[in-house]
Amino acid sequence: MTVAGLTKIRSLEECSRINGIIKKISDKKYISKFTHRKDNIKWSELNKKRVDRFFNNNKITEIVLK
């Protein structure tokens, strides 16, 4: 059976975020919380590439990176 919905990565991409928490609320439902980066967190290569893509596609601005 296929369930319609977004994957975690797709939902992060749609919201131009790189951090998020997904919590199961029932057998078929999940809730997503998108969070800001903390200053002292090391960025993975995947997240660096994602931010570059957001920036290059005008989904985020320099102010977000500060």
PDB file of N, CA and C in Angstrom:
ATOM      1  N   MET A   1       0.839  -1.181   0.000  1.00  0.00           N
ATOM      2  CA  MET A   1       0.000   0.000   0.000  1.00  0.00           C
ATOM      3  C   MET A   1       0.885   1.246   0.000  1.00  0.00           C
ATOM      4  N   THR A   2       0.557   2.195  -0.836  1.00  0.00           N
ATOM      5  CA  THR A   2       1.299   3.452  -0.909  1.00  0.00           C
ATOM      6  C   THR A   2       0.541   4.522  -0.133  1.00  0.00           C
ATOM      7  N   VAL A   3       1.258   5.237   0.688  1.00  0.00           N
ATOM      8  CA  VAL A   3       0.649   6.314   1.466  1.00  0.00           C
ATOM      9  C   VAL A   3       1.129   7.641   0.900  1.00  0.00           C
ATOM     10  N   ALA A   4       0.195   8.512   0.585  1.00  0.00           N
ATOM     11  CA  ALA A   4       0.553   9.830   0.058  1.00  0.00           C
ATOM     12  C   ALA A   4       1.178  10.667   1.157  1.00  0.00           C
ATOM     13  N   GLY A   5       2.164  11.451   0.787  1.00  0.00           N
ATOM     14  CA  GLY A   5       2.795  12.322   1.759  1.00  0.00           C
ATOM     15  C   GLY A   5       4.200  12.671   1.342  1.00  0.00           C
ATOM     16  N   LEU A   6       4.855  13.436   2.174  1.00  0.00           N
ATOM     17  CA  LEU A   6       6.215  13.877   1.904  1.00  0.00           C
ATOM     18  C   LEU A   6       7.209  13.085   2.731  1.00  0.00           C
ATOM     19  N   THR A   7       8.361  12.835   2.157  1.00  0.00           N
ATOM     20  CA  THR A   7       9.446  12.253   2.939  1.00  0.00           C
ATOM     21  C   THR A   7      10.060  13.357   3.799  1.00  0.00           C
ATOM     22  N   LYS A   8      10.871  12.975   4.756  1.00  0.00           N
ATOM     23  CA  LYS A   8      11.527  13.977   5.597  1.00  0.00           C
ATOM     24  C   LYS A   8      12.382  14.913   4.747  1.00  0.00           C
ATOM     25  N   ILE A   9      13.173  14.359   3.854  1.00  0.00           N
ATOM     26  CA  ILE A   9      14.045  15.183   3.015  1.00  0.00           C
ATOM     27  C   ILE A   9      13.222  16.121   2.146  1.00  0.00           C
ATOM     28  N   ARG A  10      12.167  15.615   1.536  1.00  0.00           N
ATOM     29  CA  ARG A  10      11.327  16.452   0.668  1.00  0.00           C
ATOM     30  C   ARG A  10      10.673  17.576   1.467  1.00  0.00           C
ATOM     31  N   SER A  11      10.194  17.277   2.670  1.00  0.00           N
ATOM     32  CA  SER A  11       9.562  18.323   3.472  1.00  0.00           C
ATOM     33  C   SER A  11      10.574  19.385   3.888  1.00  0.00           C
ATOM     34  N   LEU A  12      11.798  18.975   4.213  1.00  0.00           N
ATOM     35  CA  LEU A  12      12.843  19.952   4.539  1.00  0.00           C
ATOM     36  C   LEU A  12      13.159  20.822   3.333  1.00  0.00           C
ATOM     37  N   GLU A  13      13.249  20.200   2.159  1.00  0.00           N
ATOM     38  CA  GLU A  13      13.533  20.937   0.927  1.00  0.00           C
ATOM     39  C   GLU A  13      12.428  21.949   0.629  1.00  0.00           C
ATOM     40  N   GLU A  14      11.180  21.539   0.772  1.00  0.00           N
ATOM     41  CA  GLU A  14      10.054  22.422   0.476  1.00  0.00           C
ATOM     42  C   GLU A  14      10.032  23.640   1.400  1.00  0.00           C
ATOM     43  N   CYS A  15      10.501  23.472   2.621  1.00  0.00           N
ATOM     44  CA  CYS A  15      10.504  24.577   3.592  1.00  0.00           C
ATOM     45  C   CYS A  15      11.852  25.289   3.653  1.00  0.00           C
ATOM     46  N   SER A  16      12.783  24.898   2.797  1.00  0.00           N
ATOM     47  CA  SER A  16      14.136  25.479   2.786  1.00  0.00           C
ATOM     48  C   SER A  16      14.784  25.392   4.167  1.00  0.00           C
ATOM     49  N   ARG A  17      14.695  24.233   4.764  1.00  0.00           N
ATOM     50  CA  ARG A  17      15.299  23.981   6.078  1.00  0.00           C
ATOM     51  C   ARG A  17      16.284  22.835   5.957  1.00  0.00           C
ATOM     52  N   ILE A  18      17.210  22.770   6.909  1.00  0.00           N
ATOM     53  CA  ILE A  18      18.123  21.634   6.929  1.00  0.00           C
ATOM     54  C   ILE A  18      17.984  20.831   8.211  1.00  0.00           C
ATOM     55  N   ASN A  19      17.230  21.344   9.156  1.00  0.00           N
ATOM     56  CA  ASN A  19      17.010  20.626  10.409  1.00  0.00           C
ATOM     57  C   ASN A  19      15.532  20.387  10.611  1.00  0.00           C
ATOM     58  N   GLY A  20      15.211  19.221  11.101  1.00  0.00           N
ATOM     59  CA  GLY A  20      13.824  18.926  11.398  1.00  0.00           C
ATOM     60  C   GLY A  20      13.711  17.674  12.237  1.00  0.00           C
ATOM     61  N   ILE A  21      12.610  17.591  12.949  1.00  0.00           N
ATOM     62  CA  ILE A  21      12.319  16.438  13.791  1.00  0.00           C
ATOM     63  C   ILE A  21      10.981  15.884  13.338  1.00  0.00           C
ATOM     64  N   ILE A  22      10.901  14.583  13.162  1.00  0.00           N
ATOM     65  CA  ILE A  22       9.640  13.954  12.800  1.00  0.00           C
ATOM     66  C   ILE A  22       9.228  13.030  13.938  1.00  0.00           C
ATOM     67  N   LYS A  23       7.985  13.203  14.377  1.00  0.00           N
ATOM     68  CA  LYS A  23       7.467  12.416  15.484  1.00  0.00           C
ATOM     69  C   LYS A  23       6.208  11.681  15.034  1.00  0.00           C
ATOM     70  N   LYS A  24       6.155  10.392  15.320  1.00  0.00           N
ATOM     71  CA  LYS A  24       4.988   9.589  14.977  1.00  0.00           C
ATOM     72  C   LYS A  24       3.871   9.881  15.976  1.00  0.00           C
ATOM     73  N   ILE A  25       2.673  10.204  15.453  1.00  0.00           N
ATOM     74  CA  ILE A  25       1.550  10.479  16.344  1.00  0.00           C
ATOM     75  C   ILE A  25       0.453   9.415  16.253  1.00  0.00           C
ATOM     76  N   SER A  26       0.521   8.561  15.239  1.00  0.00           N
ATOM     77  CA  SER A  26      -0.376   7.406  15.121  1.00  0.00           C
ATOM     78  C   SER A  26       0.252   6.433  14.132  1.00  0.00           C
ATOM     79  N   ASP A  27      -0.455   5.354  13.830  1.00  0.00           N
ATOM     80  CA  ASP A  27       0.074   4.373  12.884  1.00  0.00           C
ATOM     81  C   ASP A  27       0.260   4.952  11.487  1.00  0.00           C
ATOM     82  N   LYS A  28      -0.506   5.986  11.139  1.00  0.00           N
ATOM     83  CA  LYS A  28      -0.467   6.545   9.797  1.00  0.00           C
ATOM     84  C   LYS A  28      -0.094   8.017   9.752  1.00  0.00           C
ATOM     85  N   LYS A  29       0.107   8.646  10.898  1.00  0.00           N
ATOM     86  CA  LYS A  29       0.350  10.092  10.908  1.00  0.00           C
ATOM     87  C   LYS A  29       1.645  10.442  11.639  1.00  0.00           C
ATOM     88  N   TYR A  30       2.305  11.441  11.084  1.00  0.00           N
ATOM     89  CA  TYR A  30       3.530  11.970  11.665  1.00  0.00           C
ATOM     90  C   TYR A  30       3.414  13.488  11.713  1.00  0.00           C
ATOM     91  N   ILE A  31       4.153  14.094  12.610  1.00  0.00           N
ATOM     92  CA  ILE A  31       4.194  15.547  12.685  1.00  0.00           C
ATOM     93  C   ILE A  31       5.649  15.987  12.516  1.00  0.00           C
ATOM     94  N   SER A  32       5.839  17.055  11.772  1.00  0.00           N
ATOM     95  CA  SER A  32       7.186  17.568  11.521  1.00  0.00           C
ATOM     96  C   SER A  32       7.383  18.893  12.229  1.00  0.00           C
ATOM     97  N   LYS A  33       8.548  19.057  12.813  1.00  0.00           N
ATOM     98  CA  LYS A  33       8.923  20.324  13.440  1.00  0.00           C
ATOM     99  C   LYS A  33      10.229  20.756  12.793  1.00  0.00           C
ATOM    100  N   PHE A  34      10.216  21.930  12.190  1.00  0.00           N
ATOM    101  CA  PHE A  34      11.406  22.456  11.544  1.00  0.00           C
ATOM    102  C   PHE A  34      12.094  23.407  12.503  1.00  0.00           C
ATOM    103  N   THR A  35      13.391  23.233  12.657  1.00  0.00           N
ATOM    104  CA  THR A  35      14.128  23.979  13.673  1.00  0.00           C
ATOM    105  C   THR A  35      15.263  24.788  13.061  1.00  0.00           C
ATOM    106  N   HIS A  36      15.724  25.774  13.822  1.00  0.00           N
ATOM    107  CA  HIS A  36      16.875  26.575  13.415  1.00  0.00           C
ATOM    108  C   HIS A  36      18.155  25.862  13.845  1.00  0.00           C
ATOM    109  N   ARG A  37      19.237  26.157  13.158  1.00  0.00           N
ATOM    110  CA  ARG A  37      20.543  25.587  13.512  1.00  0.00           C
ATOM    111  C   ARG A  37      21.086  26.281  14.747  1.00  0.00           C
ATOM    112  N   LYS A  38      21.692  25.523  15.622  1.00  0.00           N
ATOM    113  CA  LYS A  38      22.404  26.115  16.755  1.00  0.00           C
ATOM    114  C   LYS A  38      23.782  26.543  16.276  1.00  0.00           C
ATOM    115  N   ASP A  39      24.354  27.551  16.899  1.00  0.00           N
ATOM    116  CA  ASP A  39      25.638  28.102  16.474  1.00  0.00           C
ATOM    117  C   ASP A  39      26.789  27.102  16.564  1.00  0.00           C
ATOM    118  N   ASN A  40      26.744  26.203  17.526  1.00  0.00           N
ATOM    119  CA  ASN A  40      27.884  25.320  17.779  1.00  0.00           C
ATOM    120  C   ASN A  40      27.771  23.949  17.108  1.00  0.00           C
ATOM    121  N   ILE A  41      26.856  23.787  16.170  1.00  0.00           N
ATOM    122  CA  ILE A  41      26.647  22.501  15.501  1.00  0.00           C
ATOM    123  C   ILE A  41      27.500  22.424  14.232  1.00  0.00           C
ATOM    124  N   LYS A  42      28.214  21.311  14.067  1.00  0.00           N
ATOM    125  CA  LYS A  42      29.014  21.093  12.861  1.00  0.00           C
ATOM    126  C   LYS A  42      28.087  20.718  11.707  1.00  0.00           C
ATOM    127  N   TRP A  43      28.343  21.304  10.547  1.00  0.00           N
ATOM    128  CA  TRP A  43      27.520  21.058   9.370  1.00  0.00           C
ATOM    129  C   TRP A  43      28.057  19.868   8.581  1.00  0.00           C
ATOM    130  N   SER A  44      27.180  18.943   8.212  1.00  0.00           N
ATOM    131  CA  SER A  44      27.585  17.810   7.374  1.00  0.00           C
ATOM    132  C   SER A  44      27.753  18.299   5.935  1.00  0.00           C
ATOM    133  N   GLU A  45      28.425  17.511   5.122  1.00  0.00           N
ATOM    134  CA  GLU A  45      28.599  17.856   3.707  1.00  0.00           C
ATOM    135  C   GLU A  45      27.245  17.938   2.996  1.00  0.00           C
ATOM    136  N   LEU A  46      26.337  17.031   3.344  1.00  0.00           N
ATOM    137  CA  LEU A  46      24.998  17.051   2.761  1.00  0.00           C
ATOM    138  C   LEU A  46      24.282  18.365   3.069  1.00  0.00           C
ATOM    139  N   ASN A  47      24.357  18.806   4.314  1.00  0.00           N
ATOM    140  CA  ASN A  47      23.703  20.064   4.688  1.00  0.00           C
ATOM    141  C   ASN A  47      24.371  21.268   4.033  1.00  0.00           C
ATOM    142  N   LYS A  48      25.683  21.234   3.883  1.00  0.00           N
ATOM    143  CA  LYS A  48      26.382  22.332   3.193  1.00  0.00           C
ATOM    144  C   LYS A  48      25.920  22.429   1.747  1.00  0.00           C
ATOM    145  N   LYS A  49      25.784  21.275   1.084  1.00  0.00           N
ATOM    146  CA  LYS A  49      25.316  21.263  -0.306  1.00  0.00           C
ATOM    147  C   LYS A  49      23.872  21.746  -0.405  1.00  0.00           C
ATOM    148  N   ARG A  50      23.052  21.329   0.556  1.00  0.00           N
ATOM    149  CA  ARG A  50      21.650  21.744   0.559  1.00  0.00           C
ATOM    150  C   ARG A  50      21.537  23.258   0.723  1.00  0.00           C
ATOM    151  N   VAL A  51      22.304  23.833   1.625  1.00  0.00           N
ATOM    152  CA  VAL A  51      22.271  25.280   1.837  1.00  0.00           C
ATOM    153  C   VAL A  51      22.769  26.008   0.598  1.00  0.00           C
ATOM    154  N   ASP A  52      23.821  25.508  -0.028  1.00  0.00           N
ATOM    155  CA  ASP A  52      24.302  26.115  -1.278  1.00  0.00           C
ATOM    156  C   ASP A  52      23.200  26.116  -2.335  1.00  0.00           C
ATOM    157  N   ARG A  53      22.492  25.006  -2.448  1.00  0.00           N
ATOM    158  CA  ARG A  53      21.412  24.911  -3.427  1.00  0.00           C
ATOM    159  C   ARG A  53      20.282  25.893  -3.098  1.00  0.00           C
ATOM    160  N   PHE A  54      19.901  25.998  -1.819  1.00  0.00           N
ATOM    161  CA  PHE A  54      18.870  26.959  -1.412  1.00  0.00           C
ATOM    162  C   PHE A  54      19.304  28.382  -1.762  1.00  0.00           C
ATOM    163  N   PHE A  55      20.546  28.705  -1.439  1.00  0.00           N
ATOM    164  CA  PHE A  55      21.070  30.043  -1.692  1.00  0.00           C
ATOM    165  C   PHE A  55      21.100  30.335  -3.195  1.00  0.00           C
ATOM    166  N   ASN A  56      21.604  29.400  -3.987  1.00  0.00           N
ATOM    167  CA  ASN A  56      21.704  29.588  -5.436  1.00  0.00           C
ATOM    168  C   ASN A  56      20.338  29.672  -6.117  1.00  0.00           C
ATOM    169  N   ASN A  57      19.315  29.076  -5.516  1.00  0.00           N
ATOM    170  CA  ASN A  57      17.959  29.126  -6.076  1.00  0.00           C
ATOM    171  C   ASN A  57      17.108  30.223  -5.426  1.00  0.00           C
ATOM    172  N   ASN A  58      17.774  31.128  -4.690  1.00  0.00           N
ATOM    173  CA  ASN A  58      17.098  32.253  -4.031  1.00  0.00           C
ATOM    174  C   ASN A  58      16.003  31.825  -3.059  1.00  0.00           C
ATOM    175  N   LYS A  59      16.182  30.673  -2.426  1.00  0.00           N
ATOM    176  CA  LYS A  59      15.229  30.232  -1.409  1.00  0.00           C
ATOM    177  C   LYS A  59      15.607  30.770  -0.033  1.00  0.00           C
ATOM    178  N   ILE A  60      16.887  31.098   0.137  1.00  0.00           N
ATOM    179  CA  ILE A  60      17.347  31.724   1.379  1.00  0.00           C
ATOM    180  C   ILE A  60      18.287  32.873   1.008  1.00  0.00           C
ATOM    181  N   THR A  61      18.536  33.741   1.987  1.00  0.00           N
ATOM    182  CA  THR A  61      19.443  34.866   1.774  1.00  0.00           C
ATOM    183  C   THR A  61      20.619  34.767   2.736  1.00  0.00           C
ATOM    184  N   GLU A  62      21.582  35.653   2.562  1.00  0.00           N
ATOM    185  CA  GLU A  62      22.763  35.643   3.425  1.00  0.00           C
ATOM    186  C   GLU A  62      22.399  35.838   4.892  1.00  0.00           C
ATOM    187  N   ILE A  63      21.356  36.589   5.173  1.00  0.00           N
ATOM    188  CA  ILE A  63      20.980  36.858   6.560  1.00  0.00           C
ATOM    189  C   ILE A  63      20.658  35.553   7.312  1.00  0.00           C
ATOM    190  N   VAL A  64      20.144  34.565   6.601  1.00  0.00           N
ATOM    191  CA  VAL A  64      19.819  33.271   7.214  1.00  0.00           C
ATOM    192  C   VAL A  64      21.093  32.545   7.631  1.00  0.00           C
ATOM    193  N   LEU A  65      22.177  32.774   6.906  1.00  0.00           N
ATOM    194  CA  LEU A  65      23.425  32.061   7.167  1.00  0.00           C
ATOM    195  C   LEU A  65      24.211  32.656   8.323  1.00  0.00           C
ATOM    196  N   LYS A  66      23.812  33.802   8.822  1.00  0.00           N
ATOM    197  CA  LYS A  66      24.545  34.451   9.921  1.00  0.00           C
ATOM    198  C   LYS A  66      24.069  33.990  11.265  1.00  0.00           C
TER     199      LYS A  66
END
